[in-house]
Every structure is written in structure tokens, then in C-alpha cells.
N, C-alpha and C. Protein backbone atom coordinates (compact mmCIF):
# COMPACT_ATOMS: atom_id res chain seq x y z
N MET A 1 -41.79 -24.61 52.12
CA MET A 1 -42.72 -23.85 53.09
C MET A 1 -44.14 -24.09 52.66
N ASN A 2 -44.78 -24.55 54.24
CA ASN A 2 -45.95 -25.24 54.18
C ASN A 2 -46.68 -24.23 54.19
N PRO A 3 -48.14 -24.29 52.87
CA PRO A 3 -49.03 -22.77 53.14
C PRO A 3 -50.41 -23.00 53.38
N TRP A 4 -50.07 -24.17 53.95
CA TRP A 4 -51.44 -24.62 55.31
C TRP A 4 -51.28 -25.43 56.90
N PRO A 5 -50.08 -24.42 57.29
CA PRO A 5 -49.72 -25.08 58.50
C PRO A 5 -51.01 -25.72 59.45
N GLY A 6 -50.77 -26.99 59.30
CA GLY A 6 -51.67 -27.42 60.85
C GLY A 6 -53.43 -27.97 59.98
N TRP A 7 -53.37 -27.78 58.98
CA TRP A 7 -54.71 -27.67 58.11
C TRP A 7 -55.32 -29.37 58.06
N HIS A 8 -54.18 -30.10 57.67
CA HIS A 8 -54.44 -31.66 57.80
C HIS A 8 -55.29 -32.45 58.55
N PRO A 9 -55.35 -32.14 59.86
CA PRO A 9 -55.48 -32.83 60.43
C PRO A 9 -57.42 -32.34 60.37
N LEU A 10 -57.60 -31.29 60.27
CA LEU A 10 -58.89 -30.55 60.23
C LEU A 10 -59.40 -31.69 58.73
N VAL A 11 -58.84 -30.84 58.10
CA VAL A 11 -59.35 -31.04 56.55
C VAL A 11 -59.65 -33.22 56.19
N VAL A 12 -59.31 -33.81 56.71
CA VAL A 12 -59.21 -35.37 56.66
C VAL A 12 -60.40 -36.01 57.04
N HIS A 13 -60.86 -35.18 58.00
CA HIS A 13 -62.30 -35.60 58.51
C HIS A 13 -63.28 -35.75 57.78
N PHE A 14 -63.63 -34.94 56.50
CA PHE A 14 -64.64 -34.53 55.74
C PHE A 14 -64.67 -35.63 54.63
N PRO A 15 -63.14 -35.83 54.20
CA PRO A 15 -63.91 -36.62 53.08
C PRO A 15 -64.30 -38.08 54.05
N LEU A 16 -63.87 -38.43 55.05
CA LEU A 16 -63.95 -39.97 55.66
C LEU A 16 -65.54 -39.83 56.14
N ALA A 17 -65.97 -38.77 56.40
CA ALA A 17 -67.44 -38.21 56.69
C ALA A 17 -68.38 -38.15 55.45
N LEU A 18 -67.57 -38.08 54.40
CA LEU A 18 -68.78 -37.47 53.24
C LEU A 18 -68.99 -38.71 51.85
N VAL A 19 -67.08 -39.42 52.52
CA VAL A 19 -67.87 -40.71 51.36
C VAL A 19 -68.12 -41.89 52.32
N LEU A 20 -67.99 -41.80 53.61
CA LEU A 20 -68.56 -43.01 54.34
C LEU A 20 -69.66 -43.02 54.60
N THR A 21 -71.11 -41.57 53.98
CA THR A 21 -72.29 -41.19 54.19
C THR A 21 -72.48 -41.55 52.67
N ALA A 22 -72.16 -41.54 51.66
CA ALA A 22 -72.34 -41.32 50.40
C ALA A 22 -72.51 -43.12 50.01
N VAL A 23 -71.92 -44.22 50.73
CA VAL A 23 -71.45 -45.55 50.83
C VAL A 23 -73.37 -46.14 50.83
N PRO A 24 -73.79 -46.13 52.54
CA PRO A 24 -74.98 -46.30 52.63
C PRO A 24 -75.83 -46.04 51.96
N LEU A 25 -76.16 -44.51 50.99
CA LEU A 25 -77.19 -43.86 50.21
C LEU A 25 -77.06 -44.27 48.73
N LEU A 26 -75.95 -44.48 48.51
CA LEU A 26 -75.83 -45.16 46.92
C LEU A 26 -76.62 -46.52 46.55
N LEU A 27 -75.65 -47.54 48.45
CA LEU A 27 -76.18 -48.78 48.25
C LEU A 27 -78.00 -48.95 48.37
N ALA A 28 -78.19 -48.28 49.47
CA ALA A 28 -79.93 -47.83 49.70
C ALA A 28 -80.50 -47.65 47.86
N ALA A 29 -79.91 -46.43 47.21
CA ALA A 29 -80.76 -46.04 46.06
C ALA A 29 -80.44 -47.38 44.96
N ARG A 30 -79.58 -48.31 45.27
CA ARG A 30 -79.80 -49.94 44.36
C ARG A 30 -80.54 -50.26 44.95
N LEU A 31 -80.86 -51.08 46.10
CA LEU A 31 -81.60 -51.71 46.97
C LEU A 31 -83.37 -51.33 46.97
N LEU A 32 -83.80 -49.88 47.15
CA LEU A 32 -84.86 -49.82 46.98
C LEU A 32 -85.93 -50.17 46.29
N ARG A 33 -86.79 -49.98 46.75
CA ARG A 33 -87.86 -50.87 45.94
C ARG A 33 -88.66 -49.40 45.28
N SER A 34 -88.87 -48.19 46.16
CA SER A 34 -89.81 -47.06 45.74
C SER A 34 -88.41 -46.20 44.62
N ASP A 35 -89.19 -46.19 43.60
CA ASP A 35 -88.58 -44.83 42.69
C ASP A 35 -88.50 -44.33 43.48
N ALA A 36 -88.97 -43.25 43.84
CA ALA A 36 -88.79 -41.94 44.97
C ALA A 36 -87.78 -41.64 45.39
N LEU A 37 -87.77 -43.27 46.41
CA LEU A 37 -86.95 -43.00 47.67
C LEU A 37 -85.65 -43.50 46.96
N ALA A 38 -85.21 -44.46 46.20
CA ALA A 38 -84.33 -44.34 45.58
C ALA A 38 -83.50 -43.87 44.53
N SER A 39 -84.54 -42.89 44.51
CA SER A 39 -84.20 -41.29 43.16
C SER A 39 -83.02 -40.67 44.28
N THR A 40 -84.21 -40.06 45.61
CA THR A 40 -83.50 -39.13 46.42
C THR A 40 -82.59 -39.60 47.14
N ALA A 41 -81.98 -41.27 47.34
CA ALA A 41 -80.90 -41.39 47.73
C ALA A 41 -79.85 -41.43 47.13
N ALA A 42 -80.05 -41.92 45.54
CA ALA A 42 -79.12 -41.84 44.78
C ALA A 42 -78.38 -40.08 44.28
N VAL A 43 -79.66 -39.45 44.43
CA VAL A 43 -79.05 -37.60 44.23
C VAL A 43 -77.99 -37.56 45.52
N VAL A 44 -78.44 -37.97 46.36
CA VAL A 44 -77.76 -37.37 48.29
C VAL A 44 -76.19 -37.95 47.86
N GLY A 45 -76.41 -39.26 47.81
CA GLY A 45 -75.04 -40.33 47.76
C GLY A 45 -73.94 -39.49 46.88
N THR A 46 -74.81 -39.29 45.53
CA THR A 46 -73.79 -39.02 44.53
C THR A 46 -73.22 -37.06 44.85
N TRP A 47 -74.11 -36.32 46.00
CA TRP A 47 -73.22 -35.39 45.78
C TRP A 47 -72.51 -35.33 47.22
N ASN A 48 -72.99 -36.63 47.84
CA ASN A 48 -72.00 -36.67 48.93
C ASN A 48 -70.52 -37.38 48.49
N LEU A 49 -70.58 -38.01 47.62
CA LEU A 49 -69.54 -38.95 46.96
C LEU A 49 -69.06 -37.78 46.08
N CYS A 50 -69.26 -37.12 45.67
CA CYS A 50 -68.09 -35.69 44.75
C CYS A 50 -68.12 -34.97 46.17
N LEU A 51 -68.45 -34.51 46.96
CA LEU A 51 -68.25 -33.56 48.04
C LEU A 51 -66.89 -33.83 48.49
N GLY A 52 -66.90 -35.48 49.11
CA GLY A 52 -66.04 -36.24 49.84
C GLY A 52 -65.12 -36.20 48.62
N THR A 53 -65.07 -36.89 47.58
CA THR A 53 -63.81 -36.23 46.71
C THR A 53 -63.05 -35.21 46.24
N VAL A 54 -63.75 -34.17 46.57
CA VAL A 54 -63.10 -32.81 46.77
C VAL A 54 -62.33 -32.62 48.02
N ALA A 55 -62.76 -33.60 48.92
CA ALA A 55 -62.19 -32.96 50.01
C ALA A 55 -61.60 -34.30 50.09
N ALA A 56 -61.02 -35.38 49.76
CA ALA A 56 -60.45 -35.83 50.04
C ALA A 56 -58.97 -35.56 48.96
N VAL A 57 -59.30 -35.16 47.87
CA VAL A 57 -57.82 -34.11 47.08
C VAL A 57 -57.55 -32.97 47.79
N PHE A 58 -58.58 -31.92 48.80
CA PHE A 58 -57.80 -31.09 49.39
C PHE A 58 -57.22 -31.90 50.23
N ALA A 59 -57.24 -32.64 51.16
CA ALA A 59 -56.58 -33.52 52.13
C ALA A 59 -55.22 -34.10 51.91
N LEU A 60 -55.33 -34.88 50.82
CA LEU A 60 -53.79 -35.48 50.27
C LEU A 60 -53.18 -34.10 49.51
N ALA A 61 -53.14 -32.78 49.42
CA ALA A 61 -52.47 -31.48 49.41
C ALA A 61 -51.77 -31.22 50.33
N THR A 62 -53.19 -31.30 51.58
CA THR A 62 -52.25 -30.34 52.65
C THR A 62 -51.58 -31.91 53.75
N GLY A 63 -52.03 -33.20 53.22
CA GLY A 63 -51.11 -33.62 53.79
C GLY A 63 -49.40 -33.95 53.01
N LEU A 64 -49.91 -33.41 51.59
CA LEU A 64 -48.23 -33.43 51.19
C LEU A 64 -47.38 -31.69 51.92
N GLY A 65 -48.30 -30.89 51.68
CA GLY A 65 -47.79 -29.87 52.26
C GLY A 65 -47.00 -30.04 53.41
N ALA A 66 -47.94 -30.84 54.38
CA ALA A 66 -46.70 -31.07 55.54
C ALA A 66 -46.23 -31.67 55.62
N VAL A 67 -46.15 -32.71 55.26
CA VAL A 67 -44.15 -33.84 54.79
C VAL A 67 -43.46 -32.77 54.45
N LEU A 68 -43.53 -31.33 53.93
CA LEU A 68 -42.54 -30.86 53.15
C LEU A 68 -41.94 -30.31 54.50
N ASP A 69 -42.84 -29.85 55.41
CA ASP A 69 -41.81 -28.99 56.99
C ASP A 69 -41.62 -30.44 57.95
N LEU A 70 -41.30 -31.36 57.47
CA LEU A 70 -41.47 -33.12 58.49
C LEU A 70 -40.08 -33.13 58.93
N ARG A 71 -39.99 -33.26 60.03
CA ARG A 71 -38.37 -33.63 60.51
C ARG A 71 -38.89 -35.11 61.00
N VAL A 72 -38.31 -36.33 60.93
CA VAL A 72 -39.04 -37.53 61.26
C VAL A 72 -37.63 -38.23 61.21
N GLY A 73 -37.89 -39.48 62.54
CA GLY A 73 -36.89 -40.62 62.02
C GLY A 73 -37.30 -41.51 60.28
N GLU A 74 -36.38 -43.15 60.28
CA GLU A 74 -36.96 -43.23 59.45
C GLU A 74 -37.92 -44.31 59.93
N THR A 75 -38.26 -45.14 60.80
CA THR A 75 -39.27 -45.50 60.69
C THR A 75 -40.65 -44.91 60.69
N ALA A 76 -40.80 -43.65 61.21
CA ALA A 76 -41.68 -42.58 60.96
C ALA A 76 -41.94 -41.94 59.60
N ARG A 77 -40.92 -42.14 58.85
CA ARG A 77 -40.93 -41.97 57.83
C ARG A 77 -41.65 -43.13 56.61
N GLN A 78 -40.96 -44.13 57.14
CA GLN A 78 -41.58 -45.03 56.25
C GLN A 78 -43.03 -45.52 56.74
N ALA A 79 -43.59 -44.97 58.03
CA ALA A 79 -44.74 -44.88 57.95
C ALA A 79 -46.02 -44.32 57.28
N ILE A 80 -45.19 -42.81 57.29
CA ILE A 80 -45.52 -41.96 56.81
C ILE A 80 -45.78 -42.06 55.11
N SER A 81 -44.67 -42.76 54.50
CA SER A 81 -44.62 -43.38 52.94
C SER A 81 -45.54 -43.95 52.56
N LEU A 82 -45.93 -45.04 53.80
CA LEU A 82 -47.29 -45.77 53.05
C LEU A 82 -48.69 -45.20 53.53
N HIS A 83 -48.45 -44.43 54.44
CA HIS A 83 -49.89 -43.97 54.53
C HIS A 83 -50.35 -42.85 53.39
N MET A 84 -49.42 -41.89 52.69
CA MET A 84 -49.35 -41.48 51.45
C MET A 84 -49.44 -42.35 50.17
N LYS A 85 -49.25 -43.54 50.18
CA LYS A 85 -48.98 -43.88 49.33
C LYS A 85 -51.27 -44.35 48.59
N TRP A 86 -51.27 -44.87 49.87
CA TRP A 86 -52.56 -44.98 50.49
C TRP A 86 -53.45 -44.09 49.88
N ALA A 87 -53.16 -42.66 50.75
CA ALA A 87 -53.63 -42.05 50.46
C ALA A 87 -53.97 -41.35 48.94
N MET A 88 -52.62 -41.47 48.17
CA MET A 88 -52.81 -40.95 46.94
C MET A 88 -54.21 -42.33 46.05
N PHE A 89 -53.50 -43.36 46.37
CA PHE A 89 -54.35 -45.02 45.59
C PHE A 89 -55.69 -43.90 45.70
N THR A 90 -55.80 -43.73 47.26
CA THR A 90 -57.62 -43.41 47.23
C THR A 90 -58.16 -42.32 46.60
N SER A 91 -57.51 -41.21 46.96
CA SER A 91 -57.65 -40.03 45.88
C SER A 91 -57.93 -40.65 44.34
N LEU A 92 -56.96 -41.29 44.14
CA LEU A 92 -57.53 -41.54 42.25
C LEU A 92 -58.95 -42.42 42.45
N VAL A 93 -59.05 -43.38 43.18
CA VAL A 93 -60.05 -44.19 42.69
C VAL A 93 -61.38 -43.31 42.63
N LEU A 94 -61.04 -42.55 44.20
CA LEU A 94 -62.43 -41.81 44.23
C LEU A 94 -62.93 -40.72 43.22
N VAL A 95 -61.41 -40.20 42.76
CA VAL A 95 -62.03 -39.34 41.30
C VAL A 95 -62.08 -40.13 40.46
N LEU A 96 -62.30 -41.06 39.93
CA LEU A 96 -62.29 -42.05 39.28
C LEU A 96 -63.96 -42.31 39.32
N LEU A 97 -64.27 -43.00 40.22
CA LEU A 97 -65.79 -43.18 40.85
C LEU A 97 -66.80 -41.45 40.65
N ALA A 98 -66.06 -40.41 40.96
CA ALA A 98 -66.82 -39.39 41.47
C ALA A 98 -67.05 -38.66 40.03
N VAL A 99 -66.63 -39.00 39.04
CA VAL A 99 -66.15 -38.79 37.82
C VAL A 99 -67.53 -40.07 36.91
N TRP A 100 -67.18 -41.34 37.40
CA TRP A 100 -68.21 -42.25 37.14
C TRP A 100 -69.85 -41.60 37.15
N ARG A 101 -69.58 -41.68 38.31
CA ARG A 101 -71.01 -41.48 39.08
C ARG A 101 -71.42 -40.05 39.04
N GLY A 102 -70.98 -38.70 39.00
CA GLY A 102 -71.38 -37.62 38.94
C GLY A 102 -71.22 -36.90 37.50
N ALA A 103 -70.95 -36.95 36.65
CA ALA A 103 -70.27 -36.93 35.10
C ALA A 103 -70.63 -38.17 34.37
N GLY A 104 -70.78 -39.20 34.69
CA GLY A 104 -71.22 -40.86 33.35
C GLY A 104 -72.48 -41.23 33.48
N THR A 105 -73.48 -40.76 34.42
CA THR A 105 -74.48 -41.18 34.66
C THR A 105 -75.74 -40.10 34.69
N ALA A 106 -77.00 -40.33 35.17
CA ALA A 106 -78.07 -39.93 35.69
C ALA A 106 -78.03 -39.68 36.83
N PRO A 107 -77.59 -38.30 37.91
CA PRO A 107 -78.00 -38.55 39.45
C PRO A 107 -79.17 -39.16 39.95
N ARG A 108 -80.06 -39.38 39.31
CA ARG A 108 -81.65 -39.49 40.06
C ARG A 108 -81.44 -41.44 39.38
N SER A 109 -80.42 -41.88 39.06
CA SER A 109 -80.67 -43.00 38.35
C SER A 109 -79.89 -44.14 39.29
N ARG A 110 -80.21 -45.56 39.32
CA ARG A 110 -79.85 -46.58 40.40
C ARG A 110 -78.47 -46.77 40.02
N PRO A 111 -77.24 -46.72 40.79
CA PRO A 111 -76.02 -47.50 40.24
C PRO A 111 -75.57 -48.84 40.14
N SER A 112 -75.20 -49.05 39.14
CA SER A 112 -74.69 -50.67 38.53
C SER A 112 -73.92 -51.05 40.14
N TRP A 113 -74.16 -52.78 40.20
CA TRP A 113 -73.18 -53.50 41.30
C TRP A 113 -71.75 -53.13 41.14
N ILE A 114 -71.49 -53.00 39.79
CA ILE A 114 -69.81 -53.34 39.36
C ILE A 114 -69.37 -51.83 40.41
N PHE A 115 -70.47 -50.29 40.21
CA PHE A 115 -70.18 -49.20 40.83
C PHE A 115 -69.77 -49.85 42.52
N ILE A 116 -71.31 -49.92 43.07
CA ILE A 116 -71.31 -50.51 44.02
C ILE A 116 -70.06 -50.97 44.56
N ILE A 117 -69.93 -52.30 44.45
CA ILE A 117 -68.61 -53.11 44.00
C ILE A 117 -67.21 -52.30 44.32
N VAL A 118 -67.34 -51.72 43.47
CA VAL A 118 -65.92 -50.41 43.55
C VAL A 118 -66.15 -49.62 44.57
N LEU A 119 -67.27 -48.89 45.09
CA LEU A 119 -67.03 -47.73 46.34
C LEU A 119 -66.73 -48.32 47.06
N LEU A 120 -67.42 -49.41 47.41
CA LEU A 120 -67.03 -50.54 48.32
C LEU A 120 -65.51 -50.45 49.23
N MET A 121 -64.93 -51.36 47.77
CA MET A 121 -63.57 -50.68 47.69
C MET A 121 -62.98 -49.73 48.26
N ALA A 122 -63.20 -48.50 47.37
CA ALA A 122 -62.96 -47.58 47.91
C ALA A 122 -63.11 -46.58 48.97
N ALA A 123 -63.76 -47.43 49.69
CA ALA A 123 -64.40 -46.59 51.25
C ALA A 123 -63.37 -47.90 52.22
N ALA A 124 -63.29 -48.49 51.61
CA ALA A 124 -62.50 -49.50 52.83
C ALA A 124 -60.67 -48.91 52.59
N ALA A 125 -60.24 -48.88 51.77
CA ALA A 125 -59.26 -48.21 51.32
C ALA A 125 -59.14 -46.21 52.43
N LEU A 126 -60.30 -45.91 52.02
CA LEU A 126 -60.08 -44.93 52.83
C LEU A 126 -60.17 -44.33 54.25
N VAL A 127 -60.64 -45.93 54.45
CA VAL A 127 -60.18 -46.13 56.24
C VAL A 127 -59.38 -46.56 56.42
N VAL A 128 -58.70 -47.35 55.82
CA VAL A 128 -56.69 -48.04 55.73
C VAL A 128 -56.17 -46.96 55.89
N THR A 129 -56.63 -45.94 54.45
CA THR A 129 -55.48 -44.51 54.61
C THR A 129 -55.90 -43.89 56.19
N GLY A 130 -56.97 -43.66 57.03
CA GLY A 130 -57.63 -42.88 57.81
C GLY A 130 -56.66 -43.86 58.98
N TYR A 131 -56.81 -44.99 58.88
CA TYR A 131 -56.27 -45.83 60.42
C TYR A 131 -54.80 -45.37 60.23
N ARG A 132 -53.78 -45.46 59.34
CA ARG A 132 -52.54 -44.95 58.62
C ARG A 132 -52.25 -44.23 58.85
N GLY A 133 -52.99 -42.70 58.86
CA GLY A 133 -52.80 -41.74 59.28
C GLY A 133 -52.86 -41.40 60.56
N GLY A 134 -54.09 -42.31 61.25
CA GLY A 134 -53.75 -41.46 62.82
C GLY A 134 -52.87 -42.33 63.89
N GLU A 135 -52.49 -43.81 62.82
CA GLU A 135 -51.38 -44.92 63.56
C GLU A 135 -50.15 -43.54 63.54
N ASN A 136 -49.87 -42.80 62.23
CA ASN A 136 -48.56 -41.95 62.29
C ASN A 136 -48.78 -41.01 63.33
N VAL A 137 -49.65 -40.47 64.01
CA VAL A 137 -49.97 -39.50 64.69
C VAL A 137 -49.69 -40.28 66.11
N TYR A 138 -50.56 -41.64 66.61
CA TYR A 138 -50.53 -41.63 67.78
C TYR A 138 -49.15 -42.71 68.20
N GLU A 139 -48.92 -43.56 67.00
CA GLU A 139 -47.48 -44.29 67.80
C GLU A 139 -46.11 -43.94 67.24
N PHE A 140 -46.18 -42.57 65.93
CA PHE A 140 -45.21 -42.13 65.86
C PHE A 140 -44.96 -40.75 66.41
N GLY A 141 -45.91 -40.08 66.78
CA GLY A 141 -46.24 -38.86 67.64
C GLY A 141 -46.04 -37.65 66.20
N VAL A 142 -46.17 -38.05 64.94
CA VAL A 142 -46.09 -37.24 63.55
C VAL A 142 -46.94 -36.29 63.87
N GLY A 143 -46.47 -34.95 63.80
CA GLY A 143 -47.12 -33.73 63.84
C GLY A 143 -47.50 -32.85 65.61
N VAL A 144 -46.38 -33.84 66.02
CA VAL A 144 -47.26 -33.55 67.51
C VAL A 144 -45.57 -32.94 68.13
N LYS A 145 -45.55 -32.09 68.22
CA LYS A 145 -44.69 -30.98 68.86
C LYS A 145 -44.10 -31.77 70.60
N LYS A 146 -45.02 -32.02 71.16
CA LYS A 146 -44.73 -32.94 72.56
C LYS A 146 -45.78 -33.28 73.19
N ILE A 147 -45.57 -34.43 73.32
CA ILE A 147 -46.94 -34.99 74.75
C ILE A 147 -45.94 -35.07 75.94
N ALA A 148 -46.93 -34.57 76.81
CA ALA A 148 -46.24 -35.57 78.41
C ALA A 148 -46.95 -35.55 79.33
N VAL A 149 -46.81 -37.05 79.58
CA VAL A 149 -47.71 -37.91 80.20
C VAL A 149 -47.18 -37.57 81.88
N ARG A 150 -47.96 -37.18 82.73
CA ARG A 150 -47.00 -37.34 84.02
C ARG A 150 -47.90 -39.05 84.93
N ALA A 151 -46.73 -39.80 85.57
CA ALA A 151 -47.17 -40.04 85.98
C ALA A 151 -47.05 -40.33 87.63
N GLU A 152 -47.98 -40.43 88.26
CA GLU A 152 -47.89 -40.16 89.89
C GLU A 152 -46.86 -40.96 90.38
N PRO A 153 -46.10 -39.91 91.84
CA PRO A 153 -45.16 -40.26 92.27
C PRO A 153 -45.31 -41.36 93.59
N HIS A 154 -44.37 -42.35 93.50
CA HIS A 154 -44.27 -43.02 94.12
C HIS A 154 -43.59 -43.15 95.53
N GLY A 155 -44.12 -42.75 96.51
CA GLY A 155 -43.25 -42.91 97.99
C GLY A 155 -42.07 -41.61 97.72
N ASP A 156 -40.87 -41.78 97.73
CA ASP A 156 -39.65 -40.74 97.79
C ASP A 156 -39.44 -40.60 96.12
N ARG A 157 -39.83 -41.55 95.57
CA ARG A 157 -39.05 -41.78 94.03
C ARG A 157 -39.84 -40.31 93.43
N PRO A 158 -39.21 -39.29 92.32
CA PRO A 158 -39.53 -38.32 91.83
C PRO A 158 -40.91 -38.84 90.62
N SER A 159 -41.36 -38.19 90.27
CA SER A 159 -42.47 -38.98 89.25
C SER A 159 -41.65 -38.58 88.16
N MET A 160 -42.02 -39.37 87.13
CA MET A 160 -41.58 -39.61 86.25
C MET A 160 -42.24 -39.65 84.75
N ARG A 161 -41.65 -38.30 83.42
CA ARG A 161 -42.90 -37.81 82.72
C ARG A 161 -42.07 -38.30 81.42
N VAL A 162 -42.97 -38.51 80.34
CA VAL A 162 -42.76 -39.05 79.14
C VAL A 162 -42.57 -38.58 78.39
N ALA A 163 -41.73 -38.00 77.78
CA ALA A 163 -41.82 -36.85 76.43
C ALA A 163 -41.74 -37.76 75.05
N TYR A 164 -42.40 -37.17 74.51
CA TYR A 164 -42.34 -38.16 72.86
C TYR A 164 -42.15 -36.54 71.95
N CYS A 165 -41.15 -37.02 70.83
CA CYS A 165 -40.91 -35.72 70.22
C CYS A 165 -40.82 -36.24 68.47
N PRO A 166 -41.98 -35.78 67.60
CA PRO A 166 -41.38 -36.39 66.30
C PRO A 166 -40.35 -37.08 66.15
N GLY A 167 -39.96 -38.41 65.43
CA GLY A 167 -39.05 -39.66 64.74
C GLY A 167 -38.01 -39.94 65.68
N SER A 168 -38.84 -39.64 67.59
CA SER A 168 -37.84 -40.19 68.56
C SER A 168 -38.21 -41.42 68.93
N SER A 169 -37.69 -41.96 70.19
CA SER A 169 -38.06 -42.67 71.04
C SER A 169 -38.80 -41.86 72.04
N PRO A 170 -39.85 -42.33 72.96
CA PRO A 170 -39.88 -42.28 74.52
C PRO A 170 -39.16 -41.28 75.09
N VAL A 171 -38.38 -40.56 75.52
CA VAL A 171 -37.15 -39.97 76.61
C VAL A 171 -38.18 -39.81 78.00
N LYS A 172 -37.73 -40.96 78.99
CA LYS A 172 -38.23 -40.41 80.16
C LYS A 172 -37.27 -39.26 80.71
N TYR A 173 -37.74 -38.58 81.77
CA TYR A 173 -36.56 -37.76 82.60
C TYR A 173 -37.70 -37.68 83.99
N ALA A 174 -36.88 -37.83 85.21
CA ALA A 174 -37.43 -37.39 86.38
C ALA A 174 -37.62 -35.70 86.61
N ILE A 175 -39.17 -35.82 87.75
CA ILE A 175 -38.79 -34.61 88.23
C ILE A 175 -38.22 -34.29 89.96
N THR A 176 -37.41 -33.52 89.75
CA THR A 176 -37.48 -33.35 91.33
C THR A 176 -37.84 -31.97 91.70
């Protein structure tokens, strides 16, 4: 039984926003000439990265919980599996980066170029993870109980509806 039903779609936006905000801040901390501005950008970027990492771990937990109650077809299950692999990899890399930055260096220090490069790769992995999750919803209807789209009637033909159910192909049925 899922302890947090429906929480995953809400939670996933926090790591995206926080981590993708941390990237330009930490890059600015590396590139800015002014020590005061670089220091401020480094502190705010570090906080965003650490909070975004906590949110990513929570998103991973809610996503794993959401999979427990899921009944989908084989194609959707493979897509979910790929999304989960990306999510686990990305969360792990973010945890390592947050520890590196949050506990391994002074918050006001400029990040190294190696750190920036790994952070950029982690941000790219986070975007791919989010894309795969969105694909699960919009391509396969994962987590969507039913979506009905009503087409306009043409002449004396009945209007058609398309119903999407998780794990199944679209089913067309006529409304008379």
C-alpha cells in the first residue's frame, strides 16, 4: 500500500527547480570576479543544491511508492523501469555532489571546475529523468485513471471519445 498516494507528481518539481537553479548560481560563483558576489552565489547555490537533493530523494521515495500499486502493460512497465533507473542514478549523483559541496568545502568558496562539470552532467541526468517521467504520463497514461477527449460530431455520425487507461491502448467508443 502506498503511504503517499498521488504525492509523486507534486514532489518531482522541487528537485527540478532547486537543482536547476543551483547550476547557474554555482557557475556564477566560479566565474564572477567580485569575491562578494561570488561568495553570495556560492552560498545560495549550495543551499539550492542541498535542498534539491533532499527533494530528489523524497521524489525517488514517492515514485517507488507509487509503483507499488501500479497495474500497467509491459510497454509502460519498461518505460517506468527506465525512468526509475535514471531517477536512482541521478539521486545518487546528487547526494554525492551535495555531500561534496555541503560538507566537503566551505560554503562561500568557489566551486572547482571538476565539480561544475559533474554538476552539469547531474543536471542533464535530472532533465532526462524528468522527461522520462513526463513521457510515462503523456505517452502511456501512467498514473492517469481515465482521460476522455471528445471529438466534434460530423454530420449524422456519432461523436467519438478516446479513453486512455494505464497499460492499455486507446479505446474508441461511439456516443449515440
